[in-house]
Amino acid sequence: MIVGAFKSMSIHDVLAHIEENGLDMIGKIWQRNYFERVIRNERDLDNIRTYIRNNPRNWERDDENPAR
């Protein structure tokens, strides 16, 4: 619910910025779904930090990468 409200409020600002600056942007602004998880302990937190740190390295192989 919180993430949905944030996305809803921020999309207004993003669209206003695009219009005010005459940007020609086509595509998704937000990913359709998101993965929500409760961090329950230090091991979970460490695993998430590792994922975030290493995620950019995987961009070349990512299905969402338009250059792939």
PDB file of N, CA and C in Angstrom:
ATOM      1  N   MET A   1       0.805  -1.187   0.000  1.00  0.00           N
ATOM      2  CA  MET A   1       0.000   0.000   0.000  1.00  0.00           C
ATOM      3  C   MET A   1       0.860   1.269   0.000  1.00  0.00           C
ATOM      4  N   ILE A   2       1.909   1.266   0.803  1.00  0.00           N
ATOM      5  CA  ILE A   2       2.795   2.436   0.871  1.00  0.00           C
ATOM      6  C   ILE A   2       3.524   2.626  -0.453  1.00  0.00           C
ATOM      7  N   VAL A   3       4.021   1.537  -1.023  1.00  0.00           N
ATOM      8  CA  VAL A   3       4.748   1.641  -2.289  1.00  0.00           C
ATOM      9  C   VAL A   3       3.807   2.119  -3.391  1.00  0.00           C
ATOM     10  N   GLY A   4       2.596   1.591  -3.414  1.00  0.00           N
ATOM     11  CA  GLY A   4       1.621   2.009  -4.415  1.00  0.00           C
ATOM     12  C   GLY A   4       1.289   3.485  -4.309  1.00  0.00           C
ATOM     13  N   ALA A   5       1.127   3.976  -3.083  1.00  0.00           N
ATOM     14  CA  ALA A   5       0.839   5.403  -2.878  1.00  0.00           C
ATOM     15  C   ALA A   5       2.020   6.258  -3.328  1.00  0.00           C
ATOM     16  N   PHE A   6       3.227   5.825  -3.007  1.00  0.00           N
ATOM     17  CA  PHE A   6       4.421   6.561  -3.433  1.00  0.00           C
ATOM     18  C   PHE A   6       4.489   6.624  -4.956  1.00  0.00           C
ATOM     19  N   LYS A   7       4.265   5.485  -5.610  1.00  0.00           N
ATOM     20  CA  LYS A   7       4.328   5.450  -7.065  1.00  0.00           C
ATOM     21  C   LYS A   7       3.261   6.363  -7.677  1.00  0.00           C
ATOM     22  N   SER A   8       2.077   6.332  -7.113  1.00  0.00           N
ATOM     23  CA  SER A   8       0.990   7.160  -7.621  1.00  0.00           C
ATOM     24  C   SER A   8       1.300   8.650  -7.485  1.00  0.00           C
ATOM     25  N   MET A   9       1.816   9.051  -6.333  1.00  0.00           N
ATOM     26  CA  MET A   9       2.123  10.469  -6.113  1.00  0.00           C
ATOM     27  C   MET A   9       3.306  10.930  -6.964  1.00  0.00           C
ATOM     28  N   SER A  10       4.316  10.088  -7.085  1.00  0.00           N
ATOM     29  CA  SER A  10       5.512  10.520  -7.805  1.00  0.00           C
ATOM     30  C   SER A  10       5.322  10.529  -9.318  1.00  0.00           C
ATOM     31  N   ILE A  11       4.435   9.704  -9.848  1.00  0.00           N
ATOM     32  CA  ILE A  11       4.225   9.687 -11.299  1.00  0.00           C
ATOM     33  C   ILE A  11       3.713  11.041 -11.778  1.00  0.00           C
ATOM     34  N   HIS A  12       2.930  11.715 -10.971  1.00  0.00           N
ATOM     35  CA  HIS A  12       2.438  13.047 -11.319  1.00  0.00           C
ATOM     36  C   HIS A  12       3.608  13.995 -11.538  1.00  0.00           C
ATOM     37  N   ASP A  13       4.590  13.967 -10.628  1.00  0.00           N
ATOM     38  CA  ASP A  13       5.766  14.831 -10.752  1.00  0.00           C
ATOM     39  C   ASP A  13       6.604  14.465 -11.973  1.00  0.00           C
ATOM     40  N   VAL A  14       6.737  13.185 -12.229  1.00  0.00           N
ATOM     41  CA  VAL A  14       7.533  12.736 -13.380  1.00  0.00           C
ATOM     42  C   VAL A  14       6.880  13.196 -14.675  1.00  0.00           C
ATOM     43  N   LEU A  15       5.589  12.990 -14.794  1.00  0.00           N
ATOM     44  CA  LEU A  15       4.886  13.408 -16.018  1.00  0.00           C
ATOM     45  C   LEU A  15       4.914  14.921 -16.201  1.00  0.00           C
ATOM     46  N   ALA A  16       4.801  15.667 -15.109  1.00  0.00           N
ATOM     47  CA  ALA A  16       4.893  17.131 -15.190  1.00  0.00           C
ATOM     48  C   ALA A  16       6.284  17.540 -15.665  1.00  0.00           C
ATOM     49  N   HIS A  17       7.324  16.900 -15.175  1.00  0.00           N
ATOM     50  CA  HIS A  17       8.694  17.205 -15.593  1.00  0.00           C
ATOM     51  C   HIS A  17       8.877  16.921 -17.087  1.00  0.00           C
ATOM     52  N   ILE A  18       8.354  15.798 -17.545  1.00  0.00           N
ATOM     53  CA  ILE A  18       8.466  15.453 -18.966  1.00  0.00           C
ATOM     54  C   ILE A  18       7.780  16.511 -19.817  1.00  0.00           C
ATOM     55  N   GLU A  19       6.581  16.911 -19.415  1.00  0.00           N
ATOM     56  CA  GLU A  19       5.830  17.907 -20.189  1.00  0.00           C
ATOM     57  C   GLU A  19       6.499  19.277 -20.149  1.00  0.00           C
ATOM     58  N   GLU A  20       6.911  19.723 -18.977  1.00  0.00           N
ATOM     59  CA  GLU A  20       7.532  21.045 -18.832  1.00  0.00           C
ATOM     60  C   GLU A  20       8.818  21.170 -19.630  1.00  0.00           C
ATOM     61  N   ASN A  21       9.550  20.084 -19.781  1.00  0.00           N
ATOM     62  CA  ASN A  21      10.833  20.123 -20.472  1.00  0.00           C
ATOM     63  C   ASN A  21      10.754  19.636 -21.908  1.00  0.00           C
ATOM     64  N   GLY A  22       9.552  19.365 -22.382  1.00  0.00           N
ATOM     65  CA  GLY A  22       9.370  18.947 -23.766  1.00  0.00           C
ATOM     66  C   GLY A  22      10.102  17.669 -24.114  1.00  0.00           C
ATOM     67  N   LEU A  23      10.188  16.773 -23.169  1.00  0.00           N
ATOM     68  CA  LEU A  23      10.912  15.526 -23.395  1.00  0.00           C
ATOM     69  C   LEU A  23      10.041  14.554 -24.183  1.00  0.00           C
ATOM     70  N   ASP A  24      10.672  13.809 -25.057  1.00  0.00           N
ATOM     71  CA  ASP A  24       9.969  12.808 -25.855  1.00  0.00           C
ATOM     72  C   ASP A  24      10.314  11.451 -25.256  1.00  0.00           C
ATOM     73  N   MET A  25       9.552  11.065 -24.261  1.00  0.00           N
ATOM     74  CA  MET A  25       9.851   9.816 -23.559  1.00  0.00           C
ATOM     75  C   MET A  25       8.723   8.822 -23.789  1.00  0.00           C
ATOM     76  N   ILE A  26       9.109   7.648 -24.224  1.00  0.00           N
ATOM     77  CA  ILE A  26       8.157   6.562 -24.427  1.00  0.00           C
ATOM     78  C   ILE A  26       8.658   5.372 -23.612  1.00  0.00           C
ATOM     79  N   GLY A  27       7.765   4.713 -22.977  1.00  0.00           N
ATOM     80  CA  GLY A  27       8.144   3.518 -22.235  1.00  0.00           C
ATOM     81  C   GLY A  27       7.589   3.532 -20.832  1.00  0.00           C
ATOM     82  N   LYS A  28       8.007   2.545 -20.087  1.00  0.00           N
ATOM     83  CA  LYS A  28       7.526   2.395 -18.727  1.00  0.00           C
ATOM     84  C   LYS A  28       8.272   3.330 -17.797  1.00  0.00           C
ATOM     85  N   ILE A  29       7.557   3.886 -16.856  1.00  0.00           N
ATOM     86  CA  ILE A  29       8.194   4.704 -15.824  1.00  0.00           C
ATOM     87  C   ILE A  29       8.446   3.832 -14.602  1.00  0.00           C
ATOM     88  N   TRP A  30       7.484   3.010 -14.288  1.00  0.00           N
ATOM     89  CA  TRP A  30       7.614   2.106 -13.143  1.00  0.00           C
ATOM     90  C   TRP A  30       7.523   0.669 -13.632  1.00  0.00           C
ATOM     91  N   GLN A  31       8.280  -0.179 -12.994  1.00  0.00           N
ATOM     92  CA  GLN A  31       8.185  -1.605 -13.251  1.00  0.00           C
ATOM     93  C   GLN A  31       6.786  -2.063 -12.828  1.00  0.00           C
ATOM     94  N   ARG A  32       6.172  -2.951 -13.579  1.00  0.00           N
ATOM     95  CA  ARG A  32       4.779  -3.325 -13.336  1.00  0.00           C
ATOM     96  C   ARG A  32       4.571  -3.905 -11.946  1.00  0.00           C
ATOM     97  N   ASN A  33       5.373  -4.827 -11.558  1.00  0.00           N
ATOM     98  CA  ASN A  33       5.267  -5.445 -10.241  1.00  0.00           C
ATOM     99  C   ASN A  33       6.542  -5.177  -9.464  1.00  0.00           C
ATOM    100  N   TYR A  34       6.459  -5.347  -8.209  1.00  0.00           N
ATOM    101  CA  TYR A  34       7.646  -5.202  -7.380  1.00  0.00           C
ATOM    102  C   TYR A  34       7.659  -6.321  -6.364  1.00  0.00           C
ATOM    103  N   PHE A  35       8.825  -6.589  -5.850  1.00  0.00           N
ATOM    104  CA  PHE A  35       8.998  -7.667  -4.890  1.00  0.00           C
ATOM    105  C   PHE A  35       9.140  -7.050  -3.511  1.00  0.00           C
ATOM    106  N   GLU A  36       8.220  -7.367  -2.640  1.00  0.00           N
ATOM    107  CA  GLU A  36       8.238  -6.825  -1.291  1.00  0.00           C
ATOM    108  C   GLU A  36       8.621  -7.935  -0.323  1.00  0.00           C
ATOM    109  N   ARG A  37       9.533  -7.626   0.563  1.00  0.00           N
ATOM    110  CA  ARG A  37       9.989  -8.638   1.505  1.00  0.00           C
ATOM    111  C   ARG A  37      10.329  -7.989   2.832  1.00  0.00           C
ATOM    112  N   VAL A  38       9.982  -8.658   3.906  1.00  0.00           N
ATOM    113  CA  VAL A  38      10.325  -8.198   5.245  1.00  0.00           C
ATOM    114  C   VAL A  38      11.721  -8.709   5.569  1.00  0.00           C
ATOM    115  N   ILE A  39      12.587  -7.807   5.996  1.00  0.00           N
ATOM    116  CA  ILE A  39      13.951  -8.186   6.385  1.00  0.00           C
ATOM    117  C   ILE A  39      13.887  -8.623   7.842  1.00  0.00           C
ATOM    118  N   ARG A  40      14.132  -9.910   8.075  1.00  0.00           N
ATOM    119  CA  ARG A  40      13.908 -10.478   9.394  1.00  0.00           C
ATOM    120  C   ARG A  40      15.154 -10.591  10.258  1.00  0.00           C
ATOM    121  N   ASN A  41      16.329 -10.590   9.639  1.00  0.00           N
ATOM    122  CA  ASN A  41      17.544 -10.753  10.439  1.00  0.00           C
ATOM    123  C   ASN A  41      18.751 -10.227   9.666  1.00  0.00           C
ATOM    124  N   GLU A  42      19.904 -10.266  10.284  1.00  0.00           N
ATOM    125  CA  GLU A  42      21.141  -9.750   9.670  1.00  0.00           C
ATOM    126  C   GLU A  42      21.507 -10.517   8.409  1.00  0.00           C
ATOM    127  N   ARG A  43      21.267 -11.821   8.395  1.00  0.00           N
ATOM    128  CA  ARG A  43      21.606 -12.613   7.206  1.00  0.00           C
ATOM    129  C   ARG A  43      20.759 -12.169   6.021  1.00  0.00           C
ATOM    130  N   ASP A  44      19.450 -11.953   6.241  1.00  0.00           N
ATOM    131  CA  ASP A  44      18.590 -11.432   5.168  1.00  0.00           C
ATOM    132  C   ASP A  44      19.112 -10.086   4.669  1.00  0.00           C
ATOM    133  N   LEU A  45      19.466  -9.218   5.611  1.00  0.00           N
ATOM    134  CA  LEU A  45      19.958  -7.895   5.248  1.00  0.00           C
ATOM    135  C   LEU A  45      21.250  -7.989   4.445  1.00  0.00           C
ATOM    136  N   ASP A  46      22.161  -8.834   4.858  1.00  0.00           N
ATOM    137  CA  ASP A  46      23.418  -9.014   4.117  1.00  0.00           C
ATOM    138  C   ASP A  46      23.166  -9.548   2.710  1.00  0.00           C
ATOM    139  N   ASN A  47      22.235 -10.502   2.579  1.00  0.00           N
ATOM    140  CA  ASN A  47      21.914 -11.048   1.252  1.00  0.00           C
ATOM    141  C   ASN A  47      21.332  -9.978   0.338  1.00  0.00           C
ATOM    142  N   ILE A  48      20.481  -9.133   0.874  1.00  0.00           N
ATOM    143  CA  ILE A  48      19.885  -8.055   0.081  1.00  0.00           C
ATOM    144  C   ILE A  48      20.936  -7.035  -0.317  1.00  0.00           C
ATOM    145  N   ARG A  49      21.820  -6.700   0.595  1.00  0.00           N
ATOM    146  CA  ARG A  49      22.911  -5.765   0.272  1.00  0.00           C
ATOM    147  C   ARG A  49      23.794  -6.320  -0.834  1.00  0.00           C
ATOM    148  N   THR A  50      24.097  -7.607  -0.758  1.00  0.00           N
ATOM    149  CA  THR A  50      24.924  -8.246  -1.789  1.00  0.00           C
ATOM    150  C   THR A  50      24.209  -8.190  -3.137  1.00  0.00           C
ATOM    151  N   TYR A  51      22.917  -8.481  -3.153  1.00  0.00           N
ATOM    152  CA  TYR A  51      22.138  -8.419  -4.394  1.00  0.00           C
ATOM    153  C   TYR A  51      22.186  -7.014  -4.991  1.00  0.00           C
ATOM    154  N   ILE A  52      21.961  -6.003  -4.169  1.00  0.00           N
ATOM    155  CA  ILE A  52      21.955  -4.623  -4.653  1.00  0.00           C
ATOM    156  C   ILE A  52      23.333  -4.243  -5.197  1.00  0.00           C
ATOM    157  N   ARG A  53      24.366  -4.632  -4.489  1.00  0.00           N
ATOM    158  CA  ARG A  53      25.727  -4.313  -4.913  1.00  0.00           C
ATOM    159  C   ARG A  53      26.071  -4.981  -6.247  1.00  0.00           C
ATOM    160  N   ASN A  54      25.646  -6.223  -6.434  1.00  0.00           N
ATOM    161  CA  ASN A  54      26.027  -6.991  -7.621  1.00  0.00           C
ATOM    162  C   ASN A  54      25.060  -6.840  -8.791  1.00  0.00           C
ATOM    163  N   ASN A  55      23.871  -6.308  -8.554  1.00  0.00           N
ATOM    164  CA  ASN A  55      22.854  -6.249  -9.589  1.00  0.00           C
ATOM    165  C   ASN A  55      23.293  -5.514 -10.864  1.00  0.00           C
ATOM    166  N   PRO A  56      23.974  -4.362 -10.780  1.00  0.00           N
ATOM    167  CA  PRO A  56      24.387  -3.691 -12.029  1.00  0.00           C
ATOM    168  C   PRO A  56      25.297  -4.546 -12.910  1.00  0.00           C
ATOM    169  N   ARG A  57      26.053  -5.438 -12.303  1.00  0.00           N
ATOM    170  CA  ARG A  57      26.935  -6.325 -13.087  1.00  0.00           C
ATOM    171  C   ARG A  57      26.145  -7.287 -13.962  1.00  0.00           C
ATOM    172  N   ASN A  58      24.900  -7.539 -13.607  1.00  0.00           N
ATOM    173  CA  ASN A  58      24.069  -8.496 -14.334  1.00  0.00           C
ATOM    174  C   ASN A  58      23.230  -7.851 -15.437  1.00  0.00           C
ATOM    175  N   TRP A  59      23.347  -6.546 -15.618  1.00  0.00           N
ATOM    176  CA  TRP A  59      22.510  -5.829 -16.581  1.00  0.00           C
ATOM    177  C   TRP A  59      22.664  -6.347 -18.002  1.00  0.00           C
ATOM    178  N   GLU A  60      23.852  -6.715 -18.378  1.00  0.00           N
ATOM    179  CA  GLU A  60      24.083  -7.210 -19.742  1.00  0.00           C
ATOM    180  C   GLU A  60      23.263  -8.457 -20.033  1.00  0.00           C
ATOM    181  N   ARG A  61      22.969  -9.256 -19.029  1.00  0.00           N
ATOM    182  CA  ARG A  61      22.233 -10.509 -19.201  1.00  0.00           C
ATOM    183  C   ARG A  61      20.751 -10.374 -18.815  1.00  0.00           C
ATOM    184  N   ASP A  62      20.319  -9.206 -18.403  1.00  0.00           N
ATOM    185  CA  ASP A  62      18.963  -9.011 -17.892  1.00  0.00           C
ATOM    186  C   ASP A  62      17.943  -8.974 -19.037  1.00  0.00           C
ATOM    187  N   ASP A  63      16.821  -9.678 -18.859  1.00  0.00           N
ATOM    188  CA  ASP A  63      15.766  -9.680 -19.878  1.00  0.00           C
ATOM    189  C   ASP A  63      15.155  -8.305 -20.097  1.00  0.00           C
ATOM    190  N   GLU A  64      15.243  -7.426 -19.100  1.00  0.00           N
ATOM    191  CA  GLU A  64      14.677  -6.073 -19.223  1.00  0.00           C
ATOM    192  C   GLU A  64      15.617  -5.120 -19.970  1.00  0.00           C
ATOM    193  N   ASN A  65      16.833  -5.529 -20.258  1.00  0.00           N
ATOM    194  CA  ASN A  65      17.814  -4.686 -20.946  1.00  0.00           C
ATOM    195  C   ASN A  65      17.444  -4.601 -22.427  1.00  0.00           C
ATOM    196  N   PRO A  66      17.065  -3.418 -22.908  1.00  0.00           N
ATOM    197  CA  PRO A  66      16.649  -3.298 -24.315  1.00  0.00           C
ATOM    198  C   PRO A  66      17.783  -3.579 -25.312  1.00  0.00           C
ATOM    199  N   ALA A  67      19.027  -3.462 -24.876  1.00  0.00           N
ATOM    200  CA  ALA A  67      20.147  -3.721 -25.779  1.00  0.00           C
ATOM    201  C   ALA A  67      20.472  -5.197 -25.878  1.00  0.00           C
ATOM    202  N   ARG A  68      19.834  -5.998 -25.077  1.00  0.00           N
ATOM    203  CA  ARG A  68      20.114  -7.436 -25.063  1.00  0.00           C
ATOM    204  C   ARG A  68      19.528  -8.122 -26.260  1.00  0.00           C
TER     205      ARG A  68
END
